Protein backbone atom coordinates (compact mmCIF):
# COMPACT_ATOMS: atom_id res chain seq x y z
CA MET A 1 -166.63 91.62 32.45
CA ARG A 2 -165.55 90.84 35.95
CA PHE A 3 -165.82 87.45 37.56
CA GLN A 4 -167.86 87.49 40.71
CA CYS A 5 -168.01 84.74 43.24
CA ARG A 6 -171.47 83.69 44.39
CA TYR A 7 -170.26 82.56 47.77
CA ARG A 8 -168.16 85.05 49.67
CA GLY A 9 -167.12 82.48 52.27
CA ALA A 10 -165.72 80.04 49.66
CA VAL A 11 -162.41 81.90 49.35
CA GLU A 12 -161.85 81.88 53.08
CA HIS A 13 -162.03 78.05 53.23
CA LEU A 14 -159.23 77.73 50.66
CA ARG A 15 -156.71 79.51 52.82
CA LEU A 16 -154.04 77.10 54.22
CA LYS A 17 -153.40 77.48 57.92
CA PRO A 18 -150.92 75.19 59.64
CA ARG A 19 -152.23 73.33 62.64
CA PRO A 20 -150.17 72.14 65.61
CA SER A 21 -150.52 68.55 64.41
CA ASP A 22 -148.80 69.46 61.12
CA ILE A 23 -145.54 70.02 62.96
CA ILE A 24 -145.16 66.33 63.96
CA PRO A 25 -144.58 64.94 60.42
CA ILE A 26 -142.25 67.82 59.60
CA VAL A 27 -140.11 67.10 62.69
CA ILE A 28 -140.03 63.36 61.86
CA VAL A 29 -138.90 63.97 58.27
CA LEU A 30 -136.22 66.42 59.37
CA ALA A 31 -134.91 64.03 62.03
CA LEU A 32 -134.69 61.16 59.55
CA SER A 33 -132.91 63.29 56.96
CA ILE A 34 -130.31 64.52 59.46
CA PHE A 35 -129.59 61.20 61.21
CA PRO A 36 -130.30 58.48 58.65
CA LEU A 37 -127.43 56.11 59.34
CA ASN A 38 -124.88 55.35 62.01
CA PRO A 39 -121.54 55.04 60.16
CA SER A 40 -119.55 51.90 60.77
CA HIS A 41 -116.51 52.49 62.96
CA GLU A 42 -114.62 49.40 61.80
CA LYS A 43 -110.89 49.99 61.59
CA PRO A 44 -109.48 49.57 58.06
CA GLU A 45 -106.89 46.79 57.80
CA LYS A 46 -105.19 46.85 54.42
CA ALA A 47 -104.69 48.64 51.14
CA VAL A 48 -105.31 46.48 48.09
CA VAL A 49 -103.74 47.54 44.76
CA TYR A 50 -105.54 46.40 41.58
CA TYR A 51 -103.99 46.48 38.12
CA ARG A 52 -106.35 45.79 35.23
CA ASN A 53 -108.98 44.42 37.67
CA GLU A 54 -106.58 41.86 39.18
CA ILE A 55 -105.15 42.06 42.68
CA LEU A 56 -101.51 43.10 42.35
CA LEU A 57 -100.67 43.35 46.06
CA SER A 58 -102.14 43.84 49.49
CA HIS A 59 -100.36 45.77 52.24
CA PRO A 60 -101.40 46.32 55.88
CA LEU A 61 -102.02 49.93 56.88
CA SER A 62 -100.29 49.42 60.20
CA ARG A 63 -96.83 49.32 58.50
CA ASP A 64 -95.55 52.62 57.11
CA THR A 65 -93.71 52.20 53.83
CA THR A 66 -93.42 53.29 50.20
CA ILE A 67 -94.65 50.94 47.52
CA VAL A 68 -93.69 51.30 43.84
CA VAL A 69 -96.08 49.74 41.33
CA GLU A 70 -95.66 49.61 37.56
CA GLY A 71 -98.80 50.87 35.78
CA ALA A 72 -99.73 51.41 32.16
CA CYS A 73 -98.32 54.96 32.24
CA GLY A 74 -95.17 54.16 34.19
CA PRO A 75 -94.23 53.71 37.83
CA TRP A 76 -96.60 54.67 40.64
CA ALA A 77 -95.32 55.42 44.13
CA LEU A 78 -97.78 54.84 46.99
CA GLU A 79 -97.01 56.15 50.47
CA VAL A 80 -98.53 54.16 53.36
CA SER A 81 -98.39 56.16 56.60
CA ASN A 82 -100.46 56.68 59.76
CA GLY A 83 -103.18 54.25 58.67
CA GLY A 84 -103.74 55.83 55.24
CA VAL A 85 -102.52 55.71 51.65
CA PHE A 86 -101.76 58.44 49.14
CA VAL A 87 -100.11 58.63 45.71
CA ALA A 88 -96.69 60.21 46.16
CA GLU A 89 -95.61 60.04 42.53
CA THR A 90 -97.23 59.11 39.22
CA HIS A 91 -96.57 59.56 35.52
CA CYS A 92 -100.14 59.67 34.27
CA PRO A 93 -101.04 62.64 32.04
CA ASN A 94 -103.58 64.45 34.23
CA GLY A 95 -102.47 63.54 37.80
CA PHE A 96 -105.99 63.37 39.27
CA CYS A 97 -104.99 60.33 41.35
CA ARG A 98 -102.25 62.34 43.03
CA SER A 99 -104.63 65.20 43.79
CA MET A 100 -107.14 62.90 45.58
CA GLY A 101 -105.02 63.04 48.71
CA LYS A 102 -104.84 60.53 51.51
CA ILE A 103 -107.51 57.84 51.96
CA SER A 104 -107.99 55.99 55.22
CA ARG A 105 -111.63 54.85 55.51
CA THR A 106 -112.85 51.37 54.59
CA GLY A 107 -114.26 51.42 51.04
CA SER A 108 -112.35 54.53 49.97
CA ALA A 109 -110.50 54.27 46.67
CA ILE A 110 -107.98 56.07 44.50
CA ILE A 111 -108.42 55.24 40.80
CA CYS A 112 -106.10 56.09 37.94
CA ALA A 113 -107.90 55.39 34.67
CA PRO A 114 -104.92 56.07 32.33
CA GLY A 115 -102.63 53.92 34.48
CA LYS A 116 -105.29 51.21 34.96
CA ILE A 117 -104.50 51.08 38.70
CA ALA A 118 -106.85 51.29 41.69
CA VAL A 119 -106.07 51.37 45.40
CA VAL A 120 -108.94 50.33 47.69
CA ILE A 121 -108.95 50.37 51.50
CA GLU A 122 -110.40 47.10 52.77
CA GLY A 123 -110.93 45.38 56.08
CA GLY A 124 -113.27 45.39 59.02
CA SER A 125 -116.88 44.72 58.13
CA ASP A 126 -118.39 44.44 54.65
CA LEU A 127 -121.17 46.79 55.76
CA ASP A 128 -121.03 50.46 54.82
CA ALA A 129 -123.24 51.53 57.73
CA THR A 130 -125.61 50.18 60.35
CA THR A 131 -129.05 51.41 61.30
CA ARG A 132 -130.65 51.53 64.70
């Protein structure tokens, strides 16, 4: 037994056809998803080293140097150069902190869970971003 529709025109009304006014919300949503925030351009000031959630030392990023810190897994060598910080040498078992590379933006961090050490870039504003 076949199903037959009583009204032939009923199926035609169910067809979705975009109208020119439908483009406006689509453009607005796309624009907001592409340009949601204006990143803060505050210059980072210092690298703060934490050991077991306590501040161990703070060093300005403007001075290039090598810092050696004793962690739970042994010594940790941090290289401060050109406004950024990276782990030059570590004795932790997996070495993920060394593979993170150089950090230079405010709020960026290098964390070594086995060594219980964290390096956080601080300075500038406390805001992550500003909106217009």
